[in-house]
Amino acid sequence: AIWLKHQFADTCLATALPTTMLAKSTLVAVLLLALAPSAAGHAWLTEPPARNAQGGSRNGYCPQCGNGGGVCGDGGQWPPSSNYLGGQNSGPQRTYTAGQVVEFKVKMTAHHMGHMELHVCDEHLGPLTPDPEGPNGCLSKWVLERARPEQVY
């Protein structure tokens, strides 16, 4: 039996609880869950660096913050007038040639069994770009193809 001691004002009451397998399992599960670390963040592109990589304190030095709700690092947490994609971070961080095999690196802190797709756009993206992720938008035109392993190694 597991003994729990309850105190009510000046009195003390000891209660015996039955120790069934279910009760033990539940107690162990609750204790393990209480000790489990929490996940903060998910994944982001580290190479080539995203346009928001130089955002500094504007993104809290947290490239995955904003949960990817927008285009090119704009997680939607800034007002539309903020021009988050403009200014010093407006240009591409790397330049590639069509047909070139390149390596992309992703930092993943919590894997939820999803996948990543990389899209290429040959236009400047900014707050006034009309629907870049829409069916006719620039980011819907070209999805990068994964290279076959024998091409890479």
C-alpha atoms as a PDB file:
ATOM      1  CA  ALA A   1       0.000   0.000   0.000  1.00  0.00           C
ATOM      2  CA  ILE A   2       0.997   3.600  -0.545  1.00  0.00           C
ATOM      3  CA  TRP A   3       0.383   5.732   2.486  1.00  0.00           C
ATOM      4  CA  LEU A   4      -0.609   9.354   2.042  1.00  0.00           C
ATOM      5  CA  LYS A   5      -0.590  11.629   5.036  1.00  0.00           C
ATOM      6  CA  HIS A   6      -3.165  14.421   4.900  1.00  0.00           C
ATOM      7  CA  GLN A   7      -3.206  17.220   7.432  1.00  0.00           C
ATOM      8  CA  PHE A   8      -6.439  19.017   8.162  1.00  0.00           C
ATOM      9  CA  ALA A   9      -5.966  21.876  10.628  1.00  0.00           C
ATOM     10  CA  ASP A  10      -4.825  20.217  13.879  1.00  0.00           C
ATOM     11  CA  THR A  11      -5.692  16.640  12.927  1.00  0.00           C
ATOM     12  CA  CYS A  12      -3.604  14.161  10.979  1.00  0.00           C
ATOM     13  CA  LEU A  13      -5.213  11.416   8.894  1.00  0.00           C
ATOM     14  CA  ALA A  14      -3.342   8.535   7.239  1.00  0.00           C
ATOM     15  CA  THR A  15      -5.047   6.794   4.317  1.00  0.00           C
ATOM     16  CA  ALA A  16      -4.098   3.505   2.681  1.00  0.00           C
ATOM     17  CA  LEU A  17      -4.443   3.381  -1.109  1.00  0.00           C
ATOM     18  CA  PRO A  18      -4.637   0.123  -3.030  1.00  0.00           C
ATOM     19  CA  THR A  19      -1.583  -0.431  -5.204  1.00  0.00           C
ATOM     20  CA  THR A  20      -2.922  -1.942  -8.353  1.00  0.00           C
ATOM     21  CA  MET A  21      -0.793  -2.193 -11.457  1.00  0.00           C
ATOM     22  CA  LEU A  22      -2.820   0.622 -13.032  1.00  0.00           C
ATOM     23  CA  ALA A  23      -2.193   2.955 -10.096  1.00  0.00           C
ATOM     24  CA  LYS A  24       1.552   2.268 -10.202  1.00  0.00           C
ATOM     25  CA  SER A  25       1.692   2.734 -13.975  1.00  0.00           C
ATOM     26  CA  THR A  26      -0.227   5.987 -13.772  1.00  0.00           C
ATOM     27  CA  LEU A  27       2.059   7.331 -11.058  1.00  0.00           C
ATOM     28  CA  VAL A  28       5.183   6.417 -13.035  1.00  0.00           C
ATOM     29  CA  ALA A  29       3.759   7.975 -16.221  1.00  0.00           C
ATOM     30  CA  VAL A  30       2.869  11.222 -14.449  1.00  0.00           C
ATOM     31  CA  LEU A  31       6.324  11.464 -12.879  1.00  0.00           C
ATOM     32  CA  LEU A  32       8.066  10.800 -16.200  1.00  0.00           C
ATOM     33  CA  LEU A  33       5.933  13.375 -17.995  1.00  0.00           C
ATOM     34  CA  ALA A  34       6.738  15.941 -15.327  1.00  0.00           C
ATOM     35  CA  LEU A  35      10.457  15.387 -15.933  1.00  0.00           C
ATOM     36  CA  ALA A  36      10.286  15.477 -19.750  1.00  0.00           C
ATOM     37  CA  PRO A  37      11.906  18.498 -21.397  1.00  0.00           C
ATOM     38  CA  SER A  38       9.713  20.728 -23.514  1.00  0.00           C
ATOM     39  CA  ALA A  39      10.394  21.460 -27.176  1.00  0.00           C
ATOM     40  CA  ALA A  40      10.927  25.074 -28.159  1.00  0.00           C
ATOM     41  CA  GLY A  41      11.209  25.635 -31.877  1.00  0.00           C
ATOM     42  CA  HIS A  42      11.217  23.221 -34.734  1.00  0.00           C
ATOM     43  CA  ALA A  43      13.463  23.716 -37.759  1.00  0.00           C
ATOM     44  CA  TRP A  44      15.047  26.391 -39.903  1.00  0.00           C
ATOM     45  CA  LEU A  45      17.382  26.683 -42.850  1.00  0.00           C
ATOM     46  CA  THR A  46      20.979  27.418 -41.809  1.00  0.00           C
ATOM     47  CA  GLU A  47      22.669  27.159 -45.229  1.00  0.00           C
ATOM     48  CA  PRO A  48      22.069  29.200 -47.199  1.00  0.00           C
ATOM     49  CA  PRO A  49      21.170  31.643 -44.447  1.00  0.00           C
ATOM     50  CA  ALA A  50      17.612  32.917 -44.569  1.00  0.00           C
ATOM     51  CA  ARG A  51      16.976  36.577 -45.262  1.00  0.00           C
ATOM     52  CA  ASN A  52      15.916  36.991 -41.648  1.00  0.00           C
ATOM     53  CA  ALA A  53      19.210  35.545 -40.335  1.00  0.00           C
ATOM     54  CA  GLN A  54      20.616  39.037 -39.968  1.00  0.00           C
ATOM     55  CA  GLY A  55      17.425  40.290 -38.319  1.00  0.00           C
ATOM     56  CA  GLY A  56      19.079  40.270 -34.911  1.00  0.00           C
ATOM     57  CA  SER A  57      16.843  41.472 -32.156  1.00  0.00           C
ATOM     58  CA  ARG A  58      13.939  42.032 -34.565  1.00  0.00           C
ATOM     59  CA  ASN A  59      13.382  38.272 -34.542  1.00  0.00           C
ATOM     60  CA  GLY A  60      14.683  37.846 -30.995  1.00  0.00           C
ATOM     61  CA  TYR A  61      17.767  36.087 -32.398  1.00  0.00           C
ATOM     62  CA  CYS A  62      15.339  33.240 -32.920  1.00  0.00           C
ATOM     63  CA  PRO A  63      15.203  32.239 -36.619  1.00  0.00           C
ATOM     64  CA  GLN A  64      12.370  29.766 -36.116  1.00  0.00           C
ATOM     65  CA  CYS A  65      10.161  32.216 -34.211  1.00  0.00           C
ATOM     66  CA  GLY A  66       6.921  33.211 -35.872  1.00  0.00           C
ATOM     67  CA  ASN A  67       6.300  29.585 -36.886  1.00  0.00           C
ATOM     68  CA  GLY A  68       6.996  30.167 -40.570  1.00  0.00           C
ATOM     69  CA  GLY A  69       3.689  31.880 -41.154  1.00  0.00           C
ATOM     70  CA  GLY A  70       5.047  34.097 -43.892  1.00  0.00           C
ATOM     71  CA  VAL A  71       7.499  34.425 -46.752  1.00  0.00           C
ATOM     72  CA  CYS A  72      11.293  34.444 -46.392  1.00  0.00           C
ATOM     73  CA  GLY A  73      11.437  34.626 -42.632  1.00  0.00           C
ATOM     74  CA  ASP A  74       8.515  36.970 -42.027  1.00  0.00           C
ATOM     75  CA  GLY A  75       6.570  34.962 -39.481  1.00  0.00           C
ATOM     76  CA  GLY A  76       3.671  37.389 -39.550  1.00  0.00           C
ATOM     77  CA  GLN A  77       4.487  38.818 -36.135  1.00  0.00           C
ATOM     78  CA  TRP A  78       5.366  42.223 -37.618  1.00  0.00           C
ATOM     79  CA  PRO A  79       2.799  44.713 -38.917  1.00  0.00           C
ATOM     80  CA  PRO A  80       2.519  44.846 -42.750  1.00  0.00           C
ATOM     81  CA  SER A  81       4.106  48.294 -42.747  1.00  0.00           C
ATOM     82  CA  SER A  82       7.311  47.043 -41.058  1.00  0.00           C
ATOM     83  CA  ASN A  83       9.016  46.102 -44.366  1.00  0.00           C
ATOM     84  CA  TYR A  84      10.736  43.207 -42.614  1.00  0.00           C
ATOM     85  CA  LEU A  85      12.040  41.917 -45.956  1.00  0.00           C
ATOM     86  CA  GLY A  86      13.341  45.301 -47.044  1.00  0.00           C
ATOM     87  CA  GLY A  87      16.375  47.319 -46.057  1.00  0.00           C
ATOM     88  CA  GLN A  88      19.705  45.607 -45.438  1.00  0.00           C
ATOM     89  CA  ASN A  89      18.221  42.085 -45.628  1.00  0.00           C
ATOM     90  CA  SER A  90      16.404  42.529 -48.923  1.00  0.00           C
ATOM     91  CA  GLY A  91      18.822  40.718 -51.237  1.00  0.00           C
ATOM     92  CA  PRO A  92      19.543  37.035 -51.775  1.00  0.00           C
ATOM     93  CA  GLN A  93      22.076  35.526 -49.367  1.00  0.00           C
ATOM     94  CA  ARG A  94      23.557  33.127 -51.993  1.00  0.00           C
ATOM     95  CA  THR A  95      23.469  32.882 -55.794  1.00  0.00           C
ATOM     96  CA  TYR A  96      23.233  29.559 -57.647  1.00  0.00           C
ATOM     97  CA  THR A  97      23.253  28.448 -61.284  1.00  0.00           C
ATOM     98  CA  ALA A  98      20.449  26.434 -62.896  1.00  0.00           C
ATOM     99  CA  GLY A  99      21.307  22.721 -62.794  1.00  0.00           C
ATOM    100  CA  GLN A 100      23.915  23.161 -60.068  1.00  0.00           C
ATOM    101  CA  VAL A 101      23.858  20.590 -57.240  1.00  0.00           C
ATOM    102  CA  VAL A 102      23.953  22.457 -53.945  1.00  0.00           C
ATOM    103  CA  GLU A 103      23.763  21.423 -50.312  1.00  0.00           C
ATOM    104  CA  PHE A 104      21.172  22.895 -47.978  1.00  0.00           C
ATOM    105  CA  LYS A 105      21.458  22.529 -44.224  1.00  0.00           C
ATOM    106  CA  VAL A 106      18.539  22.482 -41.832  1.00  0.00           C
ATOM    107  CA  LYS A 107      18.727  22.804 -38.057  1.00  0.00           C
ATOM    108  CA  MET A 108      15.958  20.676 -36.555  1.00  0.00           C
ATOM    109  CA  THR A 109      15.187  20.834 -32.850  1.00  0.00           C
ATOM    110  CA  ALA A 110      11.883  18.925 -32.791  1.00  0.00           C
ATOM    111  CA  HIS A 111      11.067  16.470 -35.562  1.00  0.00           C
ATOM    112  CA  HIS A 112       7.348  15.969 -36.140  1.00  0.00           C
ATOM    113  CA  MET A 113       7.766  13.543 -39.070  1.00  0.00           C
ATOM    114  CA  GLY A 114       7.080  16.180 -41.693  1.00  0.00           C
ATOM    115  CA  HIS A 115       9.234  17.162 -44.639  1.00  0.00           C
ATOM    116  CA  MET A 116      10.727  20.271 -46.192  1.00  0.00           C
ATOM    117  CA  GLU A 117      10.276  21.598 -49.701  1.00  0.00           C
ATOM    118  CA  LEU A 118      12.523  24.292 -51.094  1.00  0.00           C
ATOM    119  CA  HIS A 119      11.169  26.709 -53.687  1.00  0.00           C
ATOM    120  CA  VAL A 120      13.114  29.148 -55.853  1.00  0.00           C
ATOM    121  CA  CYS A 121      11.912  32.588 -56.854  1.00  0.00           C
ATOM    122  CA  ASP A 122      13.695  34.862 -59.335  1.00  0.00           C
ATOM    123  CA  GLU A 123      11.867  38.006 -58.234  1.00  0.00           C
ATOM    124  CA  HIS A 124      12.445  40.419 -55.371  1.00  0.00           C
ATOM    125  CA  LEU A 125      10.070  39.533 -52.538  1.00  0.00           C
ATOM    126  CA  GLY A 126       8.821  42.311 -50.337  1.00  0.00           C
ATOM    127  CA  PRO A 127       5.742  43.425 -48.464  1.00  0.00           C
ATOM    128  CA  LEU A 128       4.107  44.612 -51.700  1.00  0.00           C
ATOM    129  CA  THR A 129       4.728  41.400 -53.693  1.00  0.00           C
ATOM    130  CA  PRO A 130       1.270  40.088 -54.645  1.00  0.00           C
ATOM    131  CA  ASP A 131       0.670  36.616 -53.170  1.00  0.00           C
ATOM    132  CA  PRO A 132       4.133  35.035 -53.718  1.00  0.00           C
ATOM    133  CA  GLU A 133       2.918  31.721 -52.249  1.00  0.00           C
ATOM    134  CA  GLY A 134      -0.338  31.596 -54.217  1.00  0.00           C
ATOM    135  CA  PRO A 135      -0.991  29.279 -57.181  1.00  0.00           C
ATOM    136  CA  ASN A 136       0.404  31.830 -59.653  1.00  0.00           C
ATOM    137  CA  GLY A 137       2.990  33.299 -57.297  1.00  0.00           C
ATOM    138  CA  CYS A 138       6.717  33.252 -57.817  1.00  0.00           C
ATOM    139  CA  LEU A 139       7.311  30.628 -55.108  1.00  0.00           C
ATOM    140  CA  SER A 140       4.886  28.214 -56.780  1.00  0.00           C
ATOM    141  CA  LYS A 141       6.784  28.097 -60.075  1.00  0.00           C
ATOM    142  CA  TRP A 142       9.908  26.119 -59.177  1.00  0.00           C
ATOM    143  CA  VAL A 143      10.248  23.451 -56.497  1.00  0.00           C
ATOM    144  CA  LEU A 144      13.832  22.227 -56.139  1.00  0.00           C
ATOM    145  CA  GLU A 145      14.373  18.555 -56.921  1.00  0.00           C
ATOM    146  CA  ARG A 146      16.373  16.406 -54.565  1.00  0.00           C
ATOM    147  CA  ALA A 147      19.630  15.173 -56.105  1.00  0.00           C
ATOM    148  CA  ARG A 148      20.138  11.424 -56.381  1.00  0.00           C
ATOM    149  CA  PRO A 149      22.663  10.156 -53.796  1.00  0.00           C
ATOM    150  CA  GLU A 150      25.105   9.065 -56.507  1.00  0.00           C
ATOM    151  CA  GLN A 151      25.235  12.678 -57.754  1.00  0.00           C
ATOM    152  CA  VAL A 152      26.188  13.965 -54.330  1.00  0.00           C
ATOM    153  CA  TYR A 153      28.515  11.310 -52.884  1.00  0.00           C
END
